Amino acid sequence: MPNIVRKDVPVAIRRDDLYAMLASAFPGARIDIEDTRGDGDHYQVRIISSVFEGMTRVAQHKAVFHALGDLMADRLHALSLKTLVPAKE
């Protein structure tokens, strides 16, 4: 079976564009992003946000996936995700 590539869908996303999407969804969050393979298709993301306060880890991750919309289906192959609540002082 041939590998079919849709020409109308970009196959990668720039780190800066991924950052902008997450920063918009989680204002004031600390967001660290690493392109683990240098291909714009495999990222490790760490988000520290007060938005996650009181949410389960699953709910936190769902919030991130919701913020990314169709990106996971179209342009992002792998996402390693760590979500945290800021430490209380």
N, C-alpha and C. Protein backbone atom coordinates (compact mmCIF):
# COMPACT_ATOMS: atom_id res chain seq x y z
N MET A 1 0.85 -1.18 0.00
CA MET A 1 0.00 0.00 0.00
C MET A 1 0.89 1.24 0.00
N PRO A 2 0.68 2.16 -0.93
CA PRO A 2 1.53 3.36 -1.00
C PRO A 2 1.24 4.31 0.15
N ASN A 3 2.27 5.07 0.53
CA ASN A 3 2.14 6.08 1.55
C ASN A 3 1.60 7.34 0.89
N ILE A 4 0.40 7.75 1.24
CA ILE A 4 -0.23 8.91 0.61
C ILE A 4 0.00 10.14 1.48
N VAL A 5 0.57 11.17 0.88
CA VAL A 5 0.83 12.42 1.58
C VAL A 5 -0.12 13.47 1.02
N ARG A 6 -0.91 14.08 1.90
CA ARG A 6 -1.79 15.14 1.46
C ARG A 6 -0.96 16.40 1.24
N LYS A 7 -1.07 16.97 0.05
CA LYS A 7 -0.28 18.15 -0.27
C LYS A 7 -0.86 19.43 0.33
N ASP A 8 -2.13 19.39 0.78
CA ASP A 8 -2.75 20.59 1.32
C ASP A 8 -2.51 20.76 2.82
N VAL A 9 -1.85 19.80 3.47
CA VAL A 9 -1.61 19.86 4.90
C VAL A 9 -0.11 19.87 5.17
N PRO A 10 0.40 20.94 5.78
CA PRO A 10 1.82 20.95 6.13
C PRO A 10 2.13 19.79 7.07
N VAL A 11 3.31 19.21 6.95
CA VAL A 11 3.63 18.02 7.75
C VAL A 11 4.37 18.34 9.04
N ALA A 12 4.66 19.57 9.29
CA ALA A 12 5.38 19.93 10.52
C ALA A 12 4.87 21.27 11.02
N ILE A 13 5.26 21.58 12.24
CA ILE A 13 4.91 22.89 12.81
C ILE A 13 6.17 23.49 13.42
N ARG A 14 6.33 24.76 13.23
CA ARG A 14 7.47 25.44 13.83
C ARG A 14 7.29 25.55 15.33
N ARG A 15 8.39 25.49 16.05
CA ARG A 15 8.38 25.60 17.50
C ARG A 15 7.70 26.89 17.94
N ASP A 16 8.00 28.00 17.27
CA ASP A 16 7.43 29.30 17.62
C ASP A 16 5.91 29.31 17.45
N ASP A 17 5.41 28.63 16.43
CA ASP A 17 3.97 28.57 16.21
C ASP A 17 3.29 27.72 17.29
N LEU A 18 3.92 26.63 17.67
CA LEU A 18 3.41 25.79 18.74
C LEU A 18 3.38 26.58 20.05
N TYR A 19 4.46 27.31 20.31
CA TYR A 19 4.53 28.14 21.51
C TYR A 19 3.41 29.18 21.52
N ALA A 20 3.18 29.84 20.40
CA ALA A 20 2.15 30.88 20.31
C ALA A 20 0.77 30.31 20.61
N MET A 21 0.48 29.13 20.11
CA MET A 21 -0.81 28.49 20.36
C MET A 21 -1.00 28.20 21.85
N LEU A 22 0.03 27.66 22.46
CA LEU A 22 -0.05 27.31 23.88
C LEU A 22 -0.09 28.55 24.77
N ALA A 23 0.70 29.55 24.44
CA ALA A 23 0.71 30.79 25.23
C ALA A 23 -0.63 31.50 25.15
N SER A 24 -1.28 31.42 24.02
CA SER A 24 -2.61 32.02 23.86
C SER A 24 -3.64 31.29 24.72
N ALA A 25 -3.53 29.97 24.77
CA ALA A 25 -4.50 29.17 25.52
C ALA A 25 -4.25 29.20 27.03
N PHE A 26 -2.99 29.42 27.42
CA PHE A 26 -2.60 29.41 28.83
C PHE A 26 -1.83 30.68 29.17
N PRO A 27 -2.54 31.82 29.24
CA PRO A 27 -1.87 33.10 29.51
C PRO A 27 -1.11 33.07 30.84
N GLY A 28 0.09 33.59 30.82
CA GLY A 28 0.90 33.66 32.02
C GLY A 28 1.61 32.36 32.37
N ALA A 29 1.42 31.33 31.58
CA ALA A 29 2.05 30.04 31.86
C ALA A 29 3.53 30.08 31.50
N ARG A 30 4.29 29.23 32.17
CA ARG A 30 5.68 29.02 31.77
C ARG A 30 5.66 27.81 30.84
N ILE A 31 6.15 28.01 29.64
CA ILE A 31 6.08 26.97 28.61
C ILE A 31 7.48 26.71 28.08
N ASP A 32 7.92 25.47 28.20
CA ASP A 32 9.22 25.04 27.66
C ASP A 32 8.95 24.01 26.57
N ILE A 33 9.54 24.24 25.40
CA ILE A 33 9.32 23.34 24.27
C ILE A 33 10.66 22.92 23.70
N GLU A 34 10.80 21.62 23.49
CA GLU A 34 12.00 21.08 22.86
C GLU A 34 11.59 20.26 21.64
N ASP A 35 12.17 20.58 20.50
CA ASP A 35 11.98 19.79 19.29
C ASP A 35 12.97 18.63 19.39
N THR A 36 12.50 17.47 19.81
CA THR A 36 13.38 16.37 20.18
C THR A 36 14.13 15.75 19.01
N ARG A 37 13.64 15.90 17.80
CA ARG A 37 14.33 15.35 16.64
C ARG A 37 14.78 16.40 15.64
N GLY A 38 14.40 17.65 15.89
CA GLY A 38 14.77 18.71 14.97
C GLY A 38 13.97 18.70 13.68
N ASP A 39 12.82 18.01 13.70
CA ASP A 39 12.03 17.88 12.47
C ASP A 39 10.70 18.62 12.50
N GLY A 40 10.40 19.32 13.62
CA GLY A 40 9.13 20.03 13.73
C GLY A 40 7.94 19.11 13.84
N ASP A 41 8.20 17.86 14.19
CA ASP A 41 7.15 16.84 14.21
C ASP A 41 7.13 16.05 15.52
N HIS A 42 8.18 16.20 16.33
CA HIS A 42 8.31 15.49 17.60
C HIS A 42 8.73 16.50 18.67
N TYR A 43 7.82 16.77 19.62
CA TYR A 43 8.09 17.78 20.63
C TYR A 43 7.94 17.24 22.04
N GLN A 44 8.71 17.83 22.93
CA GLN A 44 8.55 17.62 24.36
C GLN A 44 8.13 18.97 24.93
N VAL A 45 6.99 19.01 25.61
CA VAL A 45 6.42 20.26 26.10
C VAL A 45 6.19 20.17 27.60
N ARG A 46 6.56 21.23 28.30
CA ARG A 46 6.33 21.34 29.74
C ARG A 46 5.61 22.66 29.97
N ILE A 47 4.44 22.58 30.60
CA ILE A 47 3.63 23.78 30.85
C ILE A 47 3.35 23.87 32.35
N ILE A 48 3.68 25.02 32.92
CA ILE A 48 3.36 25.29 34.32
C ILE A 48 2.34 26.42 34.31
N SER A 49 1.12 26.10 34.79
CA SER A 49 0.05 27.08 34.72
C SER A 49 -0.91 26.93 35.90
N SER A 50 -1.36 28.05 36.41
CA SER A 50 -2.36 28.02 37.48
C SER A 50 -3.72 27.55 36.97
N VAL A 51 -3.90 27.56 35.66
CA VAL A 51 -5.14 27.05 35.06
C VAL A 51 -5.35 25.58 35.44
N PHE A 52 -4.28 24.86 35.66
CA PHE A 52 -4.36 23.44 35.97
C PHE A 52 -4.72 23.15 37.43
N GLU A 53 -4.79 24.19 38.25
CA GLU A 53 -5.11 24.03 39.67
C GLU A 53 -6.44 23.27 39.83
N GLY A 54 -6.42 22.20 40.62
CA GLY A 54 -7.61 21.42 40.90
C GLY A 54 -8.01 20.43 39.81
N MET A 55 -7.27 20.40 38.71
CA MET A 55 -7.57 19.48 37.62
C MET A 55 -6.75 18.20 37.76
N THR A 56 -7.32 17.08 37.36
CA THR A 56 -6.55 15.85 37.31
C THR A 56 -5.52 15.96 36.19
N ARG A 57 -4.53 15.10 36.21
CA ARG A 57 -3.52 15.11 35.15
C ARG A 57 -4.18 14.86 33.79
N VAL A 58 -5.14 13.95 33.74
CA VAL A 58 -5.84 13.66 32.48
C VAL A 58 -6.58 14.92 31.99
N ALA A 59 -7.25 15.61 32.90
CA ALA A 59 -7.96 16.84 32.51
C ALA A 59 -6.98 17.92 32.04
N GLN A 60 -5.82 18.01 32.66
CA GLN A 60 -4.80 18.97 32.23
C GLN A 60 -4.36 18.67 30.81
N HIS A 61 -4.09 17.42 30.53
CA HIS A 61 -3.63 17.02 29.19
C HIS A 61 -4.73 17.24 28.16
N LYS A 62 -5.97 16.95 28.54
CA LYS A 62 -7.09 17.20 27.62
C LYS A 62 -7.19 18.69 27.30
N ALA A 63 -6.94 19.55 28.29
CA ALA A 63 -6.98 20.99 28.05
C ALA A 63 -5.92 21.40 27.03
N VAL A 64 -4.74 20.80 27.13
CA VAL A 64 -3.67 21.10 26.17
C VAL A 64 -4.06 20.59 24.78
N PHE A 65 -4.57 19.37 24.70
CA PHE A 65 -4.97 18.82 23.40
C PHE A 65 -6.09 19.67 22.78
N HIS A 66 -7.00 20.15 23.61
CA HIS A 66 -8.07 21.02 23.12
C HIS A 66 -7.48 22.31 22.54
N ALA A 67 -6.50 22.86 23.23
CA ALA A 67 -5.85 24.10 22.77
C ALA A 67 -5.14 23.89 21.43
N LEU A 68 -4.64 22.68 21.20
CA LEU A 68 -3.92 22.39 19.95
C LEU A 68 -4.86 22.03 18.80
N GLY A 69 -6.11 21.76 19.11
CA GLY A 69 -7.10 21.48 18.07
C GLY A 69 -6.69 20.32 17.18
N ASP A 70 -6.82 20.53 15.89
CA ASP A 70 -6.53 19.48 14.90
C ASP A 70 -5.04 19.26 14.66
N LEU A 71 -4.22 20.03 15.32
CA LEU A 71 -2.78 19.93 15.12
C LEU A 71 -2.27 18.51 15.36
N MET A 72 -2.81 17.85 16.38
CA MET A 72 -2.37 16.49 16.69
C MET A 72 -2.73 15.52 15.57
N ALA A 73 -3.81 15.75 14.89
CA ALA A 73 -4.25 14.86 13.82
C ALA A 73 -3.52 15.11 12.51
N ASP A 74 -3.12 16.36 12.29
CA ASP A 74 -2.58 16.74 10.98
C ASP A 74 -1.06 16.93 10.93
N ARG A 75 -0.53 17.67 11.89
CA ARG A 75 0.83 18.17 11.71
C ARG A 75 1.81 17.80 12.80
N LEU A 76 1.34 17.18 13.86
CA LEU A 76 2.23 16.86 14.97
C LEU A 76 2.18 15.36 15.21
N HIS A 77 3.29 14.72 14.99
CA HIS A 77 3.32 13.26 15.09
C HIS A 77 3.45 12.79 16.53
N ALA A 78 4.30 13.44 17.31
CA ALA A 78 4.55 12.98 18.68
C ALA A 78 4.67 14.17 19.63
N LEU A 79 4.01 14.04 20.79
CA LEU A 79 4.05 15.09 21.79
C LEU A 79 4.22 14.45 23.16
N SER A 80 5.35 14.72 23.78
CA SER A 80 5.58 14.31 25.16
C SER A 80 5.17 15.50 26.01
N LEU A 81 4.23 15.30 26.92
CA LEU A 81 3.62 16.42 27.62
C LEU A 81 3.75 16.27 29.13
N LYS A 82 4.17 17.36 29.77
CA LYS A 82 4.22 17.41 31.23
C LYS A 82 3.53 18.70 31.64
N THR A 83 2.50 18.56 32.48
CA THR A 83 1.75 19.73 32.97
C THR A 83 1.91 19.81 34.48
N LEU A 84 2.08 21.04 34.96
CA LEU A 84 2.30 21.27 36.38
C LEU A 84 1.55 22.51 36.85
N VAL A 85 1.28 22.54 38.14
CA VAL A 85 0.70 23.73 38.79
C VAL A 85 1.87 24.46 39.45
N PRO A 86 1.89 25.79 39.39
CA PRO A 86 2.99 26.52 40.04
C PRO A 86 3.06 26.18 41.53
N ALA A 87 4.26 26.12 42.06
CA ALA A 87 4.47 25.86 43.49
C ALA A 87 3.92 27.02 44.29
N LYS A 88 3.24 26.70 45.35
CA LYS A 88 2.72 27.75 46.23
C LYS A 88 3.82 28.15 47.20
N GLU A 89 3.93 29.43 47.42
CA GLU A 89 4.99 29.93 48.29
C GLU A 89 4.44 30.40 49.61
